[in-house]
Amino acid sequence: MHVAINATALKANRSGVGWFISEVLRNLPGSAEGQTYSIFFNKAFVAREPFTHPLVQMYSSAIATDRLYSRLLWENVQLPSLVRQLRPDVFHGNAFALPLANLGIPTVVTVYDLVHRVLPKSQTWIFRQYLDRIVPHSCRRATRVIAISEATRRDLIEIYGVPSKKIDLTYGGAAPRFFAEPDEKKLRTVRQKYALPNEFALTIGDLDPRKNLLTAIRACGTLARDSLPLPLVLAGKKISDSHSLELATEVERLGLGDRVIFTGRLEDDELASFYRAATLFLFPSHYEGFGLPAVEAMASGTPVVASTGGALPEVVGDAGMVVPPDDVEGFAAAIRRICGNPGFRDELIAKGYSRAAEFTWENTARQTAEVYERAVAEFREK
């Protein structure tokens, strides 16, 4: 079976969606007998980080697809022509969208979340308009729809009326480096580079209002007033000057200037060391389509306190503590319990390892390959 995949949404500086795409692509070859792959990459990406495998043929977009208008041009003018030339057995739109034109073959589309509908203010107006048109259109046109969590599947059904029987569930995972034994030399290097304290609460993710970092800051402020001054490390790149200023202002208002560290964006090879160095991991996000950092933290042996936003409760399960996203006192109480009860912390760590082991990219790739087979079989039956 020949599978064509549009992966032009993949960028060098990967977000959660970017990591999901890249890890699935790395694990697809060999996950199903007889499948070969033609993968279309962003022109700006493929030159920096080629995916090489005997079962994979790489193609570069004729234009960089970082901007919405160039992405639309690529997906709806150049891509359909290339797909027709290659004549694959199935086509996979790996980031919310299929071409508007009917390709005349089985198609699969992956939808990671519906944040543009659940939290519309978290997206620009133009991108909301694009997603609110292309996602339902693609789901109607697709032979099969992949959702990365039960929460996303439920949103697709309730918001866009996608038939439940049309949706396949493929969870994300954690890469092997998060399960590996700690690299003590790397851990020391990271601690020194970022001047990390011996104990701290950690968040990882862009400094985005959707990530709800104000709740993490305020929870640590509550603990400081209660004589439990656990430092907070916010690891992620700045999205907007206004929100970064809002976070800094809140830190100053609460008198936490010496207890909150902004690291900026981490290098990919530093992530595992950050998780392992942390006392616990905070994930107060308002909404997540899956929540890769929660799985990565559990795989790294770090207790997780997550919000009830989107898919986080189903991902964390009983292996972490789950609190409503705006419940500052609830987050503070969870932190207090973990820090004050070593036995409970050890219990969460053990449960976290077991829970994280259920989420692997090998499983994700295998399930994705099965969706391709299912799409082809259903298309033939029509």
Protein backbone atom coordinates (compact mmCIF):
# COMPACT_ATOMS: atom_id res chain seq x y z
CA MET A 1 0.00 0.00 0.00
CA HIS A 2 1.31 3.42 -1.01
CA VAL A 3 0.43 6.22 1.45
CA ALA A 4 0.84 9.92 0.65
CA ILE A 5 1.09 12.23 3.67
CA ASN A 6 0.94 16.02 3.80
CA ALA A 7 3.34 16.97 6.61
CA THR A 8 3.98 20.56 5.55
CA ALA A 9 2.63 21.82 8.89
CA LEU A 10 5.82 20.47 10.49
CA LYS A 11 8.27 23.24 11.42
CA ALA A 12 11.77 23.27 12.86
CA ASN A 13 10.59 24.81 16.15
CA ARG A 14 7.97 22.24 16.99
CA SER A 15 4.88 22.72 19.09
CA GLY A 16 2.74 19.90 20.45
CA VAL A 17 1.19 19.28 17.03
CA GLY A 18 4.63 19.39 15.45
CA TRP A 19 5.99 16.78 17.85
CA PHE A 20 2.96 14.59 17.23
CA ILE A 21 3.48 14.74 13.46
CA SER A 22 7.24 14.14 13.57
CA GLU A 23 7.08 11.21 16.00
CA VAL A 24 4.33 9.48 14.02
CA LEU A 25 6.35 9.91 10.82
CA ARG A 26 9.50 8.52 12.45
CA ASN A 27 7.66 5.43 13.65
CA LEU A 28 5.39 4.74 10.67
CA PRO A 29 7.93 2.99 8.41
CA GLY A 30 7.85 -0.69 9.30
CA SER A 31 4.76 -0.39 11.50
CA ALA A 32 2.62 -2.20 8.92
CA GLU A 33 3.73 -4.80 6.42
CA GLY A 34 3.62 -3.66 2.82
CA GLN A 35 3.16 0.07 3.41
CA THR A 36 5.37 2.64 1.68
CA TYR A 37 5.17 6.40 2.13
CA SER A 38 5.47 9.56 0.08
CA ILE A 39 5.73 12.46 2.52
CA PHE A 40 5.39 16.12 1.60
CA PHE A 41 7.41 18.46 3.81
CA ASN A 42 7.60 22.22 4.14
CA LYS A 43 10.39 23.48 1.90
CA ALA A 44 11.95 25.32 4.84
CA PHE A 45 11.91 22.21 7.05
CA VAL A 46 13.10 19.34 4.89
CA ALA A 47 16.47 20.94 4.15
CA ARG A 48 17.22 21.13 7.88
CA GLU A 49 15.93 17.81 9.10
CA PRO A 50 15.41 15.12 6.46
CA PHE A 51 13.51 11.96 7.29
CA THR A 52 15.41 9.09 5.71
CA HIS A 53 14.14 5.53 5.47
CA PRO A 54 14.07 2.96 2.64
CA LEU A 55 10.25 2.94 2.75
CA VAL A 56 9.95 6.73 2.58
CA GLN A 57 10.18 9.05 -0.40
CA MET A 58 10.46 12.71 0.62
CA TYR A 59 9.06 15.61 -1.35
CA SER A 60 9.54 19.30 -0.67
CA SER A 61 6.80 21.87 -1.18
CA ALA A 62 7.62 24.30 -3.98
CA ILE A 63 7.03 27.19 -1.57
CA ALA A 64 7.49 27.63 2.17
CA THR A 65 4.15 26.95 3.86
CA ASP A 66 4.69 28.79 7.14
CA ARG A 67 2.06 31.43 6.35
CA LEU A 68 -1.63 30.69 5.95
CA TYR A 69 -1.98 32.03 2.42
CA SER A 70 1.01 30.00 1.17
CA ARG A 71 -0.35 26.92 2.95
CA LEU A 72 -3.70 27.37 1.19
CA LEU A 73 -1.96 27.75 -2.16
CA TRP A 74 0.13 24.63 -1.59
CA GLU A 75 -2.72 22.45 -0.28
CA ASN A 76 -5.23 23.37 -2.96
CA VAL A 77 -3.18 24.00 -6.11
CA GLN A 78 0.16 22.20 -6.06
CA LEU A 79 -0.54 19.29 -3.71
CA PRO A 80 -3.57 17.81 -5.54
CA SER A 81 -1.58 17.78 -8.78
CA LEU A 82 1.33 15.94 -7.14
CA VAL A 83 -0.98 13.42 -5.49
CA ARG A 84 -2.61 12.62 -8.82
CA GLN A 85 0.81 12.10 -10.39
CA LEU A 86 1.95 9.75 -7.60
CA ARG A 87 -1.35 7.81 -7.56
CA PRO A 88 -1.16 6.63 -3.92
CA ASP A 89 -3.67 4.20 -2.44
CA VAL A 90 -4.60 6.61 0.36
CA PHE A 91 -3.90 10.24 1.28
CA HIS A 92 -3.42 11.56 4.84
CA GLY A 93 -3.91 15.23 5.72
CA ASN A 94 -1.84 15.27 8.90
CA ALA A 95 -2.89 18.66 10.29
CA PHE A 96 -6.62 19.41 10.28
CA ALA A 97 -7.04 19.73 6.51
CA LEU A 98 -7.61 17.94 3.23
CA PRO A 99 -7.42 19.68 -0.15
CA LEU A 100 -10.72 21.23 -1.17
CA ALA A 101 -10.66 19.24 -4.40
CA ASN A 102 -11.82 15.63 -4.46
CA LEU A 103 -8.71 13.50 -4.86
CA GLY A 104 -10.72 10.46 -5.93
CA ILE A 105 -8.94 8.15 -3.46
CA PRO A 106 -9.42 7.19 0.21
CA THR A 107 -8.48 10.04 2.53
CA VAL A 108 -7.67 10.39 6.23
CA VAL A 109 -7.52 13.64 8.22
CA THR A 110 -6.09 14.13 11.71
CA VAL A 111 -7.73 16.66 14.05
CA TYR A 112 -5.70 17.44 17.18
CA ASP A 113 -8.13 19.75 18.95
CA LEU A 114 -10.93 22.25 18.40
CA VAL A 115 -9.36 25.01 20.45
CA HIS A 116 -10.56 27.55 17.86
CA ARG A 117 -14.11 26.75 18.95
CA VAL A 118 -13.60 25.88 22.63
CA LEU A 119 -11.32 28.89 23.35
CA PRO A 120 -11.79 31.17 20.34
CA LYS A 121 -9.79 34.05 21.83
CA SER A 122 -6.68 31.88 21.79
CA GLN A 123 -6.52 32.05 17.98
CA THR A 124 -6.34 34.95 15.56
CA TRP A 125 -9.56 35.86 13.76
CA ILE A 126 -8.25 34.80 10.36
CA PHE A 127 -6.99 31.42 11.60
CA ARG A 128 -10.30 30.77 13.39
CA GLN A 129 -12.16 31.45 10.15
CA TYR A 130 -9.86 29.10 8.26
CA LEU A 131 -10.19 26.26 10.76
CA ASP A 132 -13.93 26.71 11.20
CA ARG A 133 -14.33 26.08 7.49
CA ILE A 134 -11.61 23.61 6.61
CA VAL A 135 -12.04 21.24 9.58
CA PRO A 136 -15.75 20.41 9.07
CA HIS A 137 -15.24 20.28 5.29
CA SER A 138 -12.30 17.90 5.66
CA CYS A 139 -14.16 15.69 8.13
CA ARG A 140 -17.12 15.41 5.75
CA ARG A 141 -14.84 14.62 2.81
CA ALA A 142 -12.54 12.18 4.64
CA THR A 143 -13.02 8.44 4.56
CA ARG A 144 -11.70 8.26 8.15
CA VAL A 145 -11.03 10.94 10.78
CA ILE A 146 -8.28 10.55 13.40
CA ALA A 147 -8.79 12.20 16.81
CA ILE A 148 -5.91 12.16 19.29
CA SER A 149 -8.08 11.88 22.40
CA GLU A 150 -11.58 11.04 23.51
CA ALA A 151 -12.04 14.74 24.32
CA THR A 152 -11.26 15.72 20.72
CA ARG A 153 -13.48 12.93 19.41
CA ARG A 154 -16.32 14.20 21.59
CA ASP A 155 -15.80 17.78 20.41
CA LEU A 156 -15.89 16.67 16.77
CA ILE A 157 -19.20 14.94 17.35
CA GLU A 158 -20.80 17.72 19.39
CA ILE A 159 -19.48 20.78 17.51
CA TYR A 160 -19.28 19.60 13.91
CA GLY A 161 -21.60 16.60 13.92
CA VAL A 162 -18.96 14.14 12.72
CA PRO A 163 -20.40 10.60 12.94
CA SER A 164 -18.86 8.66 15.81
CA LYS A 165 -18.34 5.57 13.65
CA LYS A 166 -16.15 7.60 11.30
CA ILE A 167 -13.62 8.61 13.98
CA ASP A 168 -10.55 6.60 15.00
CA LEU A 169 -8.72 7.32 18.27
CA THR A 170 -4.91 7.39 18.24
CA TYR A 171 -3.30 8.73 21.42
CA GLY A 172 0.11 10.37 21.43
CA GLY A 173 3.12 9.11 23.34
CA ALA A 174 6.46 9.85 24.94
CA ALA A 175 9.75 9.31 23.14
CA PRO A 176 12.22 6.72 24.51
CA ARG A 177 14.52 9.42 25.90
CA PHE A 178 11.92 10.27 28.55
CA PHE A 179 11.81 6.65 29.76
CA ALA A 180 15.61 6.27 29.77
CA GLU A 181 17.81 6.32 32.86
CA PRO A 182 18.75 9.88 33.90
CA ASP A 183 21.92 11.31 32.38
CA GLU A 184 23.54 12.75 35.52
CA LYS A 185 26.10 14.77 33.57
CA LYS A 186 23.39 16.34 31.43
CA LEU A 187 21.31 16.98 34.54
CA ARG A 188 24.18 18.86 36.20
CA THR A 189 24.80 20.87 33.03
CA VAL A 190 21.15 21.91 32.79
CA ARG A 191 21.00 22.85 36.48
CA GLN A 192 24.07 25.04 36.11
CA LYS A 193 23.04 26.62 32.81
CA TYR A 194 19.64 27.75 34.10
CA ALA A 195 20.59 28.17 37.78
CA LEU A 196 17.86 25.74 38.80
CA PRO A 197 17.11 25.37 42.52
CA ASN A 198 17.28 21.97 44.19
CA GLU A 199 13.49 21.74 44.35
CA PHE A 200 10.96 23.45 42.09
CA ALA A 201 7.62 23.15 40.35
CA LEU A 202 7.89 23.06 36.56
CA THR A 203 5.68 24.09 33.66
CA ILE A 204 6.67 23.43 30.05
CA GLY A 205 4.94 25.12 27.14
CA ASP A 206 4.64 28.41 25.33
CA LEU A 207 3.85 31.47 27.45
CA ASP A 208 0.36 31.45 25.99
CA PRO A 209 -2.84 32.56 27.81
CA ARG A 210 -4.37 29.15 27.00
CA LYS A 211 -1.69 27.48 29.12
CA ASN A 212 -3.09 29.34 32.15
CA LEU A 213 0.27 30.03 33.76
CA LEU A 214 -1.27 32.71 35.97
CA THR A 215 -2.86 29.90 37.99
CA ALA A 216 0.55 28.25 38.47
CA ILE A 217 2.06 31.56 39.61
CA ARG A 218 -0.82 32.28 41.98
CA ALA A 219 -0.70 28.77 43.45
CA CYS A 220 2.98 29.26 44.25
CA GLY A 221 2.11 32.65 45.73
CA THR A 222 -0.40 30.96 48.02
CA LEU A 223 2.23 28.46 49.13
CA ALA A 224 4.75 31.23 49.79
CA ARG A 225 2.26 32.90 52.14
CA ASP A 226 1.87 29.53 53.89
CA SER A 227 5.64 29.21 54.40
CA LEU A 228 6.14 26.65 51.62
CA PRO A 229 8.20 28.75 49.19
CA LEU A 230 8.53 26.24 46.34
CA PRO A 231 10.16 28.00 43.35
CA LEU A 232 8.41 27.87 39.98
CA VAL A 233 10.20 27.39 36.66
CA LEU A 234 8.29 28.46 33.54
CA ALA A 235 9.98 26.87 30.51
CA GLY A 236 8.70 28.06 27.16
CA LYS A 237 9.00 30.72 24.53
CA LYS A 238 7.28 34.08 24.65
CA ILE A 239 4.20 34.33 22.43
CA SER A 240 3.21 37.94 22.99
CA ASP A 241 4.74 40.89 24.79
CA SER A 242 1.42 41.73 26.45
CA HIS A 243 0.92 38.31 28.05
CA SER A 244 4.57 38.04 29.09
CA LEU A 245 4.19 41.43 30.78
CA GLU A 246 1.01 40.20 32.49
CA LEU A 247 2.87 37.19 33.89
CA ALA A 248 5.82 39.30 35.05
CA THR A 249 3.46 41.82 36.66
CA GLU A 250 1.69 39.06 38.60
CA VAL A 251 5.02 37.68 39.79
CA GLU A 252 5.97 41.13 41.06
CA ARG A 253 2.56 41.74 42.66
CA LEU A 254 2.85 38.51 44.65
CA GLY A 255 6.42 39.24 45.70
CA LEU A 256 7.77 36.16 43.91
CA GLY A 257 10.56 37.82 41.96
CA ASP A 258 13.25 35.57 43.42
CA ARG A 259 11.12 32.41 43.20
CA VAL A 260 9.92 32.39 39.58
CA ILE A 261 12.35 31.61 36.75
CA PHE A 262 11.56 32.23 33.07
CA THR A 263 13.94 30.09 31.00
CA GLY A 264 12.73 30.83 27.48
CA ARG A 265 12.44 28.02 24.96
CA LEU A 266 14.41 24.89 25.87
CA GLU A 267 16.57 22.88 23.52
CA ASP A 268 14.95 19.56 22.60
CA ASP A 269 17.70 17.56 24.32
CA GLU A 270 17.17 19.49 27.57
CA LEU A 271 13.53 18.54 28.10
CA ALA A 272 14.07 15.17 29.79
CA SER A 273 16.60 16.67 32.22
CA PHE A 274 14.19 19.45 33.16
CA TYR A 275 11.43 16.96 33.95
CA ARG A 276 13.79 14.85 36.06
CA ALA A 277 15.16 17.85 37.93
CA ALA A 278 11.69 19.05 38.94
CA THR A 279 9.94 18.19 42.19
CA LEU A 280 6.63 18.09 40.35
CA PHE A 281 5.08 19.14 37.05
CA LEU A 282 2.19 21.62 36.81
CA PHE A 283 -0.14 21.60 33.80
CA PRO A 284 -2.95 24.11 34.51
CA SER A 285 -3.94 24.53 30.84
CA HIS A 286 -7.48 25.63 30.03
CA TYR A 287 -7.67 23.12 27.17
CA GLU A 288 -5.49 20.42 25.62
CA GLY A 289 -6.31 18.13 22.73
CA PHE A 290 -3.95 15.58 24.29
CA GLY A 291 -1.20 17.03 26.48
CA LEU A 292 2.18 15.53 25.56
CA PRO A 293 4.04 17.16 28.49
CA ALA A 294 1.90 15.24 30.99
CA VAL A 295 2.98 11.90 29.48
CA GLU A 296 6.60 13.03 29.18
CA ALA A 297 6.66 14.10 32.84
CA MET A 298 5.19 10.78 34.01
CA ALA A 299 7.69 8.86 31.85
CA SER A 300 10.48 10.90 33.44
CA GLY A 301 9.40 10.03 36.98
CA THR A 302 7.92 13.40 37.87
CA PRO A 303 4.54 13.69 39.66
CA VAL A 304 1.90 15.56 37.66
CA VAL A 305 -0.73 18.05 38.80
CA ALA A 306 -2.92 18.76 35.77
CA SER A 307 -6.12 20.63 35.07
CA THR A 308 -9.43 19.21 33.94
CA GLY A 309 -8.99 21.04 30.61
CA GLY A 310 -9.81 18.97 27.55
CA ALA A 311 -8.05 15.60 27.39
CA LEU A 312 -5.83 15.94 30.46
CA PRO A 313 -8.00 13.86 32.85
CA GLU A 314 -8.11 10.92 30.42
CA VAL A 315 -4.36 11.13 29.80
CA VAL A 316 -3.30 11.43 33.45
CA GLY A 317 -5.93 9.03 34.81
CA ASP A 318 -5.30 8.12 38.46
CA ALA A 319 -1.53 8.55 38.02
CA GLY A 320 -1.61 12.25 38.90
CA MET A 321 -3.73 14.87 40.59
CA VAL A 322 -6.38 16.70 38.55
CA VAL A 323 -7.76 20.14 39.47
CA PRO A 324 -10.12 22.59 37.68
CA PRO A 325 -7.96 25.05 35.71
CA ASP A 326 -8.88 28.19 37.67
CA ASP A 327 -8.81 26.58 41.12
CA VAL A 328 -5.73 28.27 42.57
CA GLU A 329 -6.35 26.84 46.04
CA GLY A 330 -6.81 23.37 44.55
CA PHE A 331 -3.44 23.54 42.79
CA ALA A 332 -1.79 24.85 45.95
CA ALA A 333 -3.32 22.02 47.98
CA ALA A 334 -2.10 19.42 45.46
CA ILE A 335 1.43 20.83 45.55
CA ARG A 336 1.35 20.92 49.34
CA ARG A 337 0.27 17.28 49.52
CA ILE A 338 2.97 16.05 47.14
CA CYS A 339 5.74 18.04 48.84
CA GLY A 340 4.59 17.15 52.34
CA ASN A 341 4.04 13.44 51.84
CA PRO A 342 7.04 11.56 50.36
CA GLY A 343 5.10 8.29 50.35
CA PHE A 344 2.31 9.81 48.28
CA ARG A 345 4.84 11.37 45.90
CA ASP A 346 6.52 7.98 45.41
CA GLU A 347 3.11 6.44 44.75
CA LEU A 348 2.38 9.00 42.02
CA ILE A 349 5.79 8.42 40.46
CA ALA A 350 5.19 4.65 40.29
CA LYS A 351 1.71 5.11 38.86
CA GLY A 352 3.07 7.67 36.41
CA TYR A 353 5.64 5.24 35.02
CA SER A 354 2.94 2.63 34.46
CA ARG A 355 0.54 5.12 32.92
CA ALA A 356 3.16 6.61 30.58
CA ALA A 357 4.09 3.12 29.35
CA GLU A 358 0.61 2.90 27.83
CA PHE A 359 1.43 5.83 25.53
CA THR A 360 4.15 5.07 22.99
CA TRP A 361 4.76 6.45 19.52
CA GLU A 362 5.13 2.90 18.24
CA ASN A 363 1.50 2.28 19.23
CA THR A 364 0.42 5.57 17.67
CA ALA A 365 2.13 4.72 14.38
CA ARG A 366 0.73 1.19 14.31
CA GLN A 367 -2.80 2.47 14.95
CA THR A 368 -2.36 5.12 12.25
CA ALA A 369 -1.27 2.47 9.76
CA GLU A 370 -4.38 0.47 10.67
CA VAL A 371 -6.53 3.52 9.90
CA TYR A 372 -5.01 3.64 6.40
CA GLU A 373 -5.96 0.00 5.86
CA ARG A 374 -9.47 0.67 7.16
CA ALA A 375 -9.91 3.70 4.91
CA VAL A 376 -8.91 1.76 1.80
CA ALA A 377 -11.23 -1.13 2.67
CA GLU A 378 -14.19 1.20 3.30
CA PHE A 379 -13.56 3.16 0.11
CA ARG A 380 -13.63 -0.04 -1.93
CA GLU A 381 -16.95 -1.05 -0.39
CA LYS A 382 -18.69 2.16 -1.49
